[in-house]
N, C-alpha and C. Protein backbone atom coordinates (compact mmCIF):
# COMPACT_ATOMS: atom_id res chain seq x y z
N MET A 1 19.51 8.17 0.72
CA MET A 1 18.40 7.50 1.34
C MET A 1 17.85 6.46 0.36
N VAL A 2 17.84 5.23 0.77
CA VAL A 2 17.36 4.13 -0.05
C VAL A 2 15.90 3.89 0.28
N ARG A 3 15.07 3.85 -0.76
CA ARG A 3 13.65 3.60 -0.48
C ARG A 3 13.33 2.15 -0.80
N GLU A 4 12.55 1.58 0.07
CA GLU A 4 12.12 0.20 -0.10
C GLU A 4 11.05 0.14 -1.19
N PRO A 5 11.21 -0.78 -2.15
CA PRO A 5 10.16 -0.90 -3.16
C PRO A 5 8.88 -1.44 -2.52
N MET A 6 7.76 -0.86 -2.89
CA MET A 6 6.50 -1.32 -2.30
C MET A 6 5.94 -2.48 -3.12
N ASP A 7 5.13 -3.24 -2.50
CA ASP A 7 4.46 -4.36 -3.14
C ASP A 7 3.50 -3.81 -4.19
N PHE A 8 3.35 -4.51 -5.32
CA PHE A 8 2.48 -4.02 -6.38
C PHE A 8 1.04 -3.90 -5.92
N ALA A 9 0.54 -4.85 -5.16
CA ALA A 9 -0.85 -4.79 -4.69
C ALA A 9 -1.08 -3.54 -3.85
N GLU A 10 -0.13 -3.21 -3.01
CA GLU A 10 -0.22 -1.99 -2.19
C GLU A 10 -0.21 -0.75 -3.08
N PHE A 11 0.70 -0.75 -4.07
CA PHE A 11 0.77 0.36 -5.00
C PHE A 11 -0.54 0.51 -5.77
N TYR A 12 -1.06 -0.59 -6.28
CA TYR A 12 -2.29 -0.57 -7.07
C TYR A 12 -3.44 0.03 -6.27
N SER A 13 -3.63 -0.45 -5.06
CA SER A 13 -4.77 0.03 -4.27
C SER A 13 -4.62 1.51 -3.90
N SER A 14 -3.40 1.98 -3.72
CA SER A 14 -3.22 3.38 -3.34
C SER A 14 -3.16 4.33 -4.53
N ALA A 15 -2.83 3.83 -5.73
CA ALA A 15 -2.57 4.71 -6.86
C ALA A 15 -3.64 4.70 -7.95
N LYS A 16 -4.46 3.67 -8.03
CA LYS A 16 -5.35 3.54 -9.18
C LYS A 16 -6.32 4.71 -9.33
N ASP A 17 -6.90 5.18 -8.23
CA ASP A 17 -7.87 6.28 -8.33
C ASP A 17 -7.20 7.59 -8.74
N ASP A 18 -6.02 7.88 -8.17
CA ASP A 18 -5.30 9.10 -8.54
C ASP A 18 -4.90 9.07 -10.01
N CYS A 19 -4.42 7.92 -10.47
CA CYS A 19 -4.01 7.80 -11.87
C CYS A 19 -5.23 7.95 -12.79
N LEU A 20 -6.34 7.35 -12.41
CA LEU A 20 -7.55 7.46 -13.22
C LEU A 20 -8.02 8.91 -13.32
N ARG A 21 -8.04 9.62 -12.19
CA ARG A 21 -8.44 11.04 -12.21
C ARG A 21 -7.53 11.85 -13.11
N THR A 22 -6.24 11.58 -13.03
CA THR A 22 -5.27 12.34 -13.81
C THR A 22 -5.45 12.09 -15.31
N VAL A 23 -5.61 10.84 -15.69
CA VAL A 23 -5.81 10.51 -17.11
C VAL A 23 -7.17 11.01 -17.57
N LEU A 24 -8.18 10.91 -16.73
CA LEU A 24 -9.51 11.43 -17.08
C LEU A 24 -9.45 12.93 -17.35
N ALA A 25 -8.72 13.64 -16.54
CA ALA A 25 -8.60 15.09 -16.74
C ALA A 25 -7.94 15.40 -18.08
N SER A 26 -7.07 14.52 -18.53
CA SER A 26 -6.38 14.75 -19.79
C SER A 26 -7.21 14.31 -20.99
N THR A 27 -7.94 13.19 -20.84
CA THR A 27 -8.69 12.66 -21.98
C THR A 27 -10.13 13.15 -22.03
N GLY A 28 -10.75 13.36 -20.87
CA GLY A 28 -12.14 13.78 -20.83
C GLY A 28 -13.13 12.67 -21.11
N ASP A 29 -12.67 11.45 -21.17
CA ASP A 29 -13.54 10.31 -21.50
C ASP A 29 -13.30 9.22 -20.46
N MET A 30 -14.31 8.96 -19.62
CA MET A 30 -14.16 8.01 -18.52
C MET A 30 -13.81 6.61 -19.02
N GLN A 31 -14.49 6.14 -20.05
CA GLN A 31 -14.23 4.79 -20.54
C GLN A 31 -12.80 4.66 -21.07
N ALA A 32 -12.38 5.63 -21.86
CA ALA A 32 -11.02 5.61 -22.40
C ALA A 32 -10.00 5.70 -21.27
N ALA A 33 -10.26 6.57 -20.30
CA ALA A 33 -9.33 6.72 -19.17
C ALA A 33 -9.21 5.41 -18.40
N GLU A 34 -10.33 4.74 -18.16
CA GLU A 34 -10.27 3.46 -17.44
C GLU A 34 -9.46 2.43 -18.22
N GLU A 35 -9.68 2.37 -19.53
CA GLU A 35 -8.93 1.41 -20.35
C GLU A 35 -7.44 1.74 -20.39
N LEU A 36 -7.12 3.01 -20.53
CA LEU A 36 -5.72 3.42 -20.59
C LEU A 36 -5.00 3.14 -19.27
N VAL A 37 -5.65 3.45 -18.16
CA VAL A 37 -5.04 3.21 -16.85
C VAL A 37 -4.90 1.71 -16.60
N ALA A 38 -5.89 0.93 -16.99
CA ALA A 38 -5.79 -0.53 -16.83
C ALA A 38 -4.61 -1.08 -17.62
N GLU A 39 -4.46 -0.60 -18.85
CA GLU A 39 -3.33 -1.04 -19.67
C GLU A 39 -2.00 -0.62 -19.04
N ALA A 40 -1.94 0.61 -18.57
CA ALA A 40 -0.69 1.11 -17.96
C ALA A 40 -0.37 0.36 -16.68
N LEU A 41 -1.39 0.05 -15.88
CA LEU A 41 -1.15 -0.71 -14.65
C LEU A 41 -0.71 -2.14 -14.98
N ALA A 42 -1.25 -2.72 -16.04
CA ALA A 42 -0.80 -4.05 -16.46
C ALA A 42 0.67 -4.02 -16.86
N ARG A 43 1.04 -2.97 -17.57
CA ARG A 43 2.45 -2.83 -17.95
C ARG A 43 3.33 -2.59 -16.72
N ALA A 44 2.81 -1.83 -15.76
CA ALA A 44 3.56 -1.60 -14.53
C ALA A 44 3.77 -2.91 -13.77
N TRP A 45 2.75 -3.73 -13.73
CA TRP A 45 2.85 -5.02 -13.04
C TRP A 45 3.90 -5.89 -13.73
N ALA A 46 3.89 -5.89 -15.08
CA ALA A 46 4.84 -6.71 -15.83
C ALA A 46 6.28 -6.25 -15.61
N ALA A 47 6.47 -4.97 -15.38
CA ALA A 47 7.82 -4.41 -15.19
C ALA A 47 8.00 -3.91 -13.77
N TRP A 48 7.29 -4.49 -12.80
CA TRP A 48 7.28 -3.97 -11.44
C TRP A 48 8.66 -3.82 -10.80
N PRO A 49 9.58 -4.75 -10.98
CA PRO A 49 10.90 -4.54 -10.36
C PRO A 49 11.56 -3.22 -10.79
N THR A 50 11.35 -2.83 -12.03
CA THR A 50 11.90 -1.57 -12.52
C THR A 50 11.03 -0.39 -12.11
N VAL A 51 9.73 -0.52 -12.30
CA VAL A 51 8.81 0.58 -12.01
C VAL A 51 8.83 0.92 -10.52
N SER A 52 8.96 -0.07 -9.67
CA SER A 52 8.94 0.19 -8.22
C SER A 52 10.11 1.05 -7.77
N ARG A 53 11.19 1.05 -8.55
CA ARG A 53 12.35 1.88 -8.22
C ARG A 53 12.29 3.26 -8.87
N HIS A 54 11.30 3.48 -9.69
CA HIS A 54 11.12 4.79 -10.35
C HIS A 54 10.86 5.84 -9.28
N PRO A 55 11.38 7.06 -9.45
CA PRO A 55 11.15 8.10 -8.43
C PRO A 55 9.68 8.45 -8.23
N ALA A 56 8.85 8.29 -9.26
CA ALA A 56 7.42 8.60 -9.15
C ALA A 56 6.64 7.54 -9.93
N PRO A 57 6.38 6.37 -9.31
CA PRO A 57 5.69 5.29 -10.04
C PRO A 57 4.31 5.69 -10.54
N ARG A 58 3.60 6.53 -9.80
CA ARG A 58 2.27 6.96 -10.27
C ARG A 58 2.40 7.77 -11.55
N ALA A 59 3.39 8.63 -11.60
CA ALA A 59 3.61 9.42 -12.81
C ALA A 59 4.02 8.51 -13.97
N TRP A 60 4.76 7.45 -13.68
CA TRP A 60 5.12 6.47 -14.71
C TRP A 60 3.86 5.86 -15.30
N VAL A 61 2.92 5.49 -14.46
CA VAL A 61 1.67 4.89 -14.92
C VAL A 61 0.89 5.89 -15.77
N VAL A 62 0.78 7.13 -15.32
CA VAL A 62 0.04 8.16 -16.07
C VAL A 62 0.71 8.41 -17.41
N ARG A 63 2.03 8.57 -17.41
CA ARG A 63 2.74 8.82 -18.66
C ARG A 63 2.56 7.64 -19.62
N THR A 64 2.61 6.43 -19.11
CA THR A 64 2.40 5.24 -19.94
C THR A 64 1.00 5.24 -20.52
N ALA A 65 0.01 5.58 -19.72
CA ALA A 65 -1.38 5.64 -20.20
C ALA A 65 -1.52 6.69 -21.30
N LEU A 66 -0.95 7.87 -21.08
CA LEU A 66 -1.05 8.94 -22.08
C LEU A 66 -0.28 8.59 -23.36
N ASN A 67 0.86 7.93 -23.21
CA ASN A 67 1.62 7.48 -24.38
C ASN A 67 0.83 6.44 -25.17
N THR A 68 0.11 5.58 -24.47
CA THR A 68 -0.72 4.58 -25.13
C THR A 68 -1.79 5.27 -25.96
N ARG A 69 -2.37 6.32 -25.41
CA ARG A 69 -3.40 7.08 -26.13
C ARG A 69 -2.80 7.72 -27.38
N VAL A 70 -1.62 8.32 -27.25
CA VAL A 70 -0.96 8.93 -28.40
C VAL A 70 -0.65 7.88 -29.46
N SER A 71 -0.16 6.72 -29.04
CA SER A 71 0.14 5.65 -30.00
C SER A 71 -1.12 5.21 -30.73
N TRP A 72 -2.22 5.14 -30.01
CA TRP A 72 -3.49 4.74 -30.62
C TRP A 72 -3.87 5.74 -31.71
N TRP A 73 -3.76 7.04 -31.40
CA TRP A 73 -4.11 8.05 -32.38
C TRP A 73 -3.16 8.01 -33.58
N ARG A 74 -1.91 7.81 -33.35
CA ARG A 74 -0.95 7.77 -34.46
C ARG A 74 -1.23 6.60 -35.40
N ARG A 75 -1.64 5.48 -34.84
CA ARG A 75 -1.95 4.33 -35.68
C ARG A 75 -3.15 4.61 -36.59
N ARG A 76 -4.06 5.37 -36.12
CA ARG A 76 -5.27 5.64 -36.90
C ARG A 76 -5.07 6.76 -37.92
N ARG A 77 -4.20 7.71 -37.65
CA ARG A 77 -3.83 8.79 -38.57
C ARG A 77 -5.00 9.54 -39.17
N HIS A 78 -6.01 9.78 -38.40
CA HIS A 78 -7.10 10.62 -38.89
C HIS A 78 -7.65 11.43 -37.72
N GLU A 79 -8.26 12.52 -38.06
CA GLU A 79 -8.82 13.39 -37.04
C GLU A 79 -10.31 13.16 -36.93
N VAL A 80 -10.78 13.16 -35.70
CA VAL A 80 -12.21 13.08 -35.45
C VAL A 80 -12.54 14.15 -34.42
N PRO A 81 -13.77 14.67 -34.45
CA PRO A 81 -14.12 15.67 -33.43
C PRO A 81 -14.10 15.04 -32.05
N LEU A 82 -13.68 15.85 -31.08
CA LEU A 82 -13.65 15.36 -29.71
C LEU A 82 -15.08 15.13 -29.23
N PRO A 83 -15.32 13.98 -28.59
CA PRO A 83 -16.66 13.73 -28.07
C PRO A 83 -16.92 14.60 -26.85
N GLN A 84 -18.19 14.83 -26.58
CA GLN A 84 -18.55 15.54 -25.36
C GLN A 84 -18.14 14.68 -24.18
N ALA A 85 -17.54 15.29 -23.20
CA ALA A 85 -17.05 14.54 -22.05
C ALA A 85 -18.21 13.96 -21.25
N GLU A 86 -18.09 12.71 -20.92
CA GLU A 86 -19.06 12.04 -20.06
C GLU A 86 -18.39 11.93 -18.71
N VAL A 87 -18.66 12.87 -17.83
CA VAL A 87 -17.92 12.93 -16.58
C VAL A 87 -18.61 12.22 -15.43
N SER A 88 -19.86 11.88 -15.58
CA SER A 88 -20.52 11.20 -14.47
C SER A 88 -20.25 9.71 -14.59
N ASP A 89 -19.96 9.10 -13.51
CA ASP A 89 -19.66 7.68 -13.46
C ASP A 89 -20.95 6.93 -13.14
N PRO A 90 -21.34 5.94 -13.95
CA PRO A 90 -22.58 5.23 -13.68
C PRO A 90 -22.56 4.48 -12.35
N ARG A 91 -21.38 4.24 -11.81
CA ARG A 91 -21.28 3.56 -10.52
C ARG A 91 -21.37 4.51 -9.35
N ASP A 92 -21.55 5.80 -9.64
CA ASP A 92 -21.61 6.81 -8.59
C ASP A 92 -22.82 6.57 -7.71
N ASP A 93 -22.58 6.40 -6.42
CA ASP A 93 -23.68 6.15 -5.50
C ASP A 93 -24.01 7.38 -4.66
N GLY A 94 -23.52 8.54 -5.08
CA GLY A 94 -23.83 9.77 -4.38
C GLY A 94 -22.81 10.16 -3.32
N ARG A 95 -21.95 9.24 -2.94
CA ARG A 95 -20.93 9.57 -1.94
C ARG A 95 -19.74 10.21 -2.63
N ASP A 96 -19.08 11.12 -1.95
CA ASP A 96 -17.89 11.76 -2.49
C ASP A 96 -16.72 10.82 -2.24
N SER A 97 -16.25 10.19 -3.29
CA SER A 97 -15.13 9.26 -3.15
C SER A 97 -13.87 9.82 -3.80
N GLY A 98 -13.79 11.13 -3.88
CA GLY A 98 -12.59 11.74 -4.43
C GLY A 98 -12.64 11.93 -5.93
N ARG A 99 -13.78 11.71 -6.58
CA ARG A 99 -13.89 11.92 -8.01
C ARG A 99 -13.91 13.42 -8.30
N VAL A 100 -13.53 13.73 -9.51
CA VAL A 100 -13.54 15.12 -9.94
C VAL A 100 -14.99 15.50 -10.21
N GLY A 101 -15.43 16.62 -9.67
CA GLY A 101 -16.80 17.07 -9.87
C GLY A 101 -17.06 17.45 -11.32
N GLU A 102 -18.32 17.40 -11.70
CA GLU A 102 -18.70 17.70 -13.08
C GLU A 102 -18.34 19.12 -13.48
N VAL A 103 -18.55 20.08 -12.60
CA VAL A 103 -18.24 21.47 -12.92
C VAL A 103 -16.73 21.65 -13.12
N LEU A 104 -15.95 21.06 -12.22
CA LEU A 104 -14.50 21.16 -12.35
C LEU A 104 -14.02 20.46 -13.61
N MET A 105 -14.56 19.28 -13.90
CA MET A 105 -14.14 18.55 -15.10
C MET A 105 -14.48 19.35 -16.35
N ALA A 106 -15.65 19.96 -16.38
CA ALA A 106 -16.03 20.78 -17.54
C ALA A 106 -15.05 21.94 -17.71
N ALA A 107 -14.68 22.57 -16.60
CA ALA A 107 -13.72 23.68 -16.66
C ALA A 107 -12.35 23.18 -17.13
N LEU A 108 -11.93 22.02 -16.64
CA LEU A 108 -10.64 21.46 -17.06
C LEU A 108 -10.65 21.14 -18.55
N LEU A 109 -11.75 20.64 -19.05
CA LEU A 109 -11.82 20.27 -20.46
C LEU A 109 -11.80 21.48 -21.39
N ARG A 110 -12.08 22.65 -20.85
CA ARG A 110 -11.99 23.87 -21.66
C ARG A 110 -10.55 24.37 -21.77
N LEU A 111 -9.66 23.83 -20.95
CA LEU A 111 -8.24 24.22 -21.02
C LEU A 111 -7.57 23.51 -22.19
N PRO A 112 -6.51 24.10 -22.73
CA PRO A 112 -5.71 23.37 -23.73
C PRO A 112 -5.11 22.10 -23.11
N LEU A 113 -4.82 21.12 -23.95
CA LEU A 113 -4.36 19.81 -23.49
C LEU A 113 -3.17 19.90 -22.55
N ARG A 114 -2.13 20.63 -22.92
CA ARG A 114 -0.93 20.68 -22.10
C ARG A 114 -1.22 21.30 -20.73
N GLN A 115 -2.08 22.31 -20.68
CA GLN A 115 -2.44 22.90 -19.39
C GLN A 115 -3.20 21.89 -18.54
N ARG A 116 -4.11 21.12 -19.17
CA ARG A 116 -4.83 20.07 -18.43
C ARG A 116 -3.87 19.05 -17.85
N GLN A 117 -2.89 18.65 -18.65
CA GLN A 117 -1.92 17.66 -18.20
C GLN A 117 -1.13 18.20 -17.01
N VAL A 118 -0.69 19.45 -17.10
CA VAL A 118 0.08 20.04 -16.00
C VAL A 118 -0.77 20.12 -14.73
N VAL A 119 -2.01 20.59 -14.86
CA VAL A 119 -2.89 20.68 -13.69
C VAL A 119 -3.11 19.29 -13.09
N ALA A 120 -3.38 18.31 -13.92
CA ALA A 120 -3.65 16.96 -13.43
C ALA A 120 -2.43 16.40 -12.68
N LEU A 121 -1.25 16.55 -13.26
CA LEU A 121 -0.06 16.00 -12.59
C LEU A 121 0.27 16.76 -11.32
N ARG A 122 0.17 18.09 -11.37
CA ARG A 122 0.51 18.90 -10.20
C ARG A 122 -0.51 18.73 -9.08
N ILE A 123 -1.80 18.71 -9.40
CA ILE A 123 -2.84 18.69 -8.38
C ILE A 123 -3.24 17.26 -8.00
N PHE A 124 -3.59 16.43 -8.97
CA PHE A 124 -4.10 15.09 -8.66
C PHE A 124 -3.02 14.13 -8.19
N LEU A 125 -1.80 14.25 -8.75
CA LEU A 125 -0.71 13.37 -8.32
C LEU A 125 0.27 14.05 -7.38
N ASP A 126 0.08 15.35 -7.15
CA ASP A 126 0.90 16.11 -6.22
C ASP A 126 2.39 16.06 -6.59
N LEU A 127 2.68 16.15 -7.88
CA LEU A 127 4.08 16.19 -8.32
C LEU A 127 4.57 17.62 -8.26
N ASP A 128 5.86 17.79 -8.01
CA ASP A 128 6.41 19.14 -8.03
C ASP A 128 6.72 19.54 -9.47
N THR A 129 7.20 20.75 -9.64
CA THR A 129 7.44 21.28 -10.98
C THR A 129 8.45 20.43 -11.75
N ALA A 130 9.53 20.05 -11.10
CA ALA A 130 10.58 19.27 -11.76
C ALA A 130 10.07 17.90 -12.19
N GLN A 131 9.31 17.24 -11.32
CA GLN A 131 8.77 15.92 -11.66
C GLN A 131 7.77 16.03 -12.81
N THR A 132 6.93 17.05 -12.77
CA THR A 132 5.95 17.26 -13.84
C THR A 132 6.67 17.50 -15.16
N ALA A 133 7.70 18.32 -15.13
CA ALA A 133 8.48 18.61 -16.33
C ALA A 133 9.10 17.32 -16.88
N GLN A 134 9.62 16.49 -16.00
CA GLN A 134 10.23 15.24 -16.43
C GLN A 134 9.20 14.30 -17.05
N VAL A 135 8.05 14.18 -16.43
CA VAL A 135 7.01 13.29 -16.94
C VAL A 135 6.53 13.75 -18.32
N LEU A 136 6.35 15.05 -18.51
CA LEU A 136 5.83 15.57 -19.77
C LEU A 136 6.92 15.85 -20.81
N GLY A 137 8.17 15.79 -20.38
CA GLY A 137 9.27 16.04 -21.31
C GLY A 137 9.38 17.49 -21.74
N ILE A 138 9.10 18.40 -20.79
CA ILE A 138 9.19 19.83 -21.07
C ILE A 138 10.04 20.49 -19.99
N ALA A 139 10.38 21.73 -20.18
CA ALA A 139 11.21 22.46 -19.23
C ALA A 139 10.38 22.85 -17.99
N PRO A 140 11.03 22.92 -16.82
CA PRO A 140 10.32 23.34 -15.61
C PRO A 140 9.66 24.71 -15.74
N GLY A 141 10.29 25.63 -16.44
CA GLY A 141 9.69 26.94 -16.64
C GLY A 141 8.41 26.87 -17.46
N THR A 142 8.36 25.93 -18.39
CA THR A 142 7.16 25.73 -19.19
C THR A 142 6.03 25.20 -18.32
N VAL A 143 6.37 24.31 -17.38
CA VAL A 143 5.36 23.80 -16.44
C VAL A 143 4.79 24.95 -15.63
N THR A 144 5.66 25.80 -15.13
CA THR A 144 5.22 26.94 -14.32
C THR A 144 4.32 27.86 -15.15
N ALA A 145 4.70 28.12 -16.39
CA ALA A 145 3.89 29.00 -17.24
C ALA A 145 2.53 28.38 -17.52
N HIS A 146 2.50 27.08 -17.85
CA HIS A 146 1.22 26.41 -18.11
C HIS A 146 0.34 26.40 -16.87
N MET A 147 0.94 26.19 -15.71
CA MET A 147 0.16 26.15 -14.47
C MET A 147 -0.43 27.53 -14.18
N ALA A 148 0.36 28.57 -14.40
CA ALA A 148 -0.13 29.93 -14.16
C ALA A 148 -1.28 30.27 -15.11
N ARG A 149 -1.12 29.92 -16.37
CA ARG A 149 -2.19 30.18 -17.35
C ARG A 149 -3.45 29.39 -17.03
N ALA A 150 -3.27 28.13 -16.66
CA ALA A 150 -4.41 27.28 -16.32
C ALA A 150 -5.13 27.81 -15.09
N THR A 151 -4.38 28.21 -14.09
CA THR A 151 -4.98 28.74 -12.86
C THR A 151 -5.77 30.01 -13.17
N ALA A 152 -5.21 30.88 -13.98
CA ALA A 152 -5.91 32.11 -14.35
C ALA A 152 -7.19 31.80 -15.12
N ALA A 153 -7.11 30.85 -16.05
CA ALA A 153 -8.29 30.48 -16.83
C ALA A 153 -9.37 29.85 -15.94
N LEU A 154 -8.96 28.99 -15.00
CA LEU A 154 -9.93 28.35 -14.11
C LEU A 154 -10.57 29.38 -13.18
N ARG A 155 -9.79 30.35 -12.73
CA ARG A 155 -10.36 31.41 -11.88
C ARG A 155 -11.38 32.24 -12.67
N GLU A 156 -11.03 32.57 -13.90
CA GLU A 156 -11.95 33.34 -14.75
C GLU A 156 -13.22 32.54 -15.02
N ASP A 157 -13.06 31.25 -15.27
CA ASP A 157 -14.21 30.37 -15.50
C ASP A 157 -15.11 30.32 -14.27
N ALA A 158 -14.51 30.22 -13.09
CA ALA A 158 -15.28 30.18 -11.84
C ALA A 158 -16.02 31.49 -11.62
N ALA A 159 -15.36 32.60 -11.93
CA ALA A 159 -16.01 33.91 -11.76
C ALA A 159 -17.21 34.04 -12.71
N LEU A 160 -17.05 33.58 -13.94
CA LEU A 160 -18.16 33.63 -14.90
C LEU A 160 -19.31 32.74 -14.45
N THR A 161 -18.97 31.58 -13.92
CA THR A 161 -20.00 30.67 -13.44
C THR A 161 -20.76 31.27 -12.27
N ARG A 162 -20.06 31.89 -11.33
CA ARG A 162 -20.72 32.55 -10.19
C ARG A 162 -21.60 33.69 -10.68
N GLU A 163 -21.11 34.43 -11.66
CA GLU A 163 -21.88 35.56 -12.18
C GLU A 163 -23.17 35.07 -12.85
N GLN A 164 -23.08 33.98 -13.59
CA GLN A 164 -24.25 33.42 -14.25
C GLN A 164 -25.25 32.87 -13.23
N GLU A 165 -24.77 32.33 -12.14
CA GLU A 165 -25.65 31.77 -11.12
C GLU A 165 -26.43 32.87 -10.39
N THR A 166 -25.84 34.06 -10.28
CA THR A 166 -26.50 35.15 -9.56
C THR A 166 -27.51 35.87 -10.45
N GLN A 167 -27.45 35.65 -11.73
CA GLN A 167 -28.38 36.34 -12.63
C GLN A 167 -29.67 35.57 -12.79
């Protein structure tokens, strides 16, 4: 089955929010996520004939954004404490436009990085196990294990939150 490459403008309008949510879940910083996704989308536009034929162009954009973040950290070669996540968007007008809620984002940020990445790719981009494994460069069984651990941790976090609310 041959798939027709989609126009970049169509891809951009349909993918930008999903990619932003996915990178935000991994970085925990809205400003950094916006910059990383913008850079990755610019690179996608520059290489669109190739990217459009990729089996998962959205995953390509997310992986490029995350690789850009890793490259940035490697260039600096120093450790700094992680900033507190700023999950509320100043442009939020109160309508639910598919953004990740503050409670969910806080729970995601408590997960280890690899588990956050797996959850973001599996849930926000709706990739299957094999595609997620390919994007992250890990084995499919590792994806399954990380997803199971993340799900268990998120369930435990939700139970604790409900318990605290009832007290």
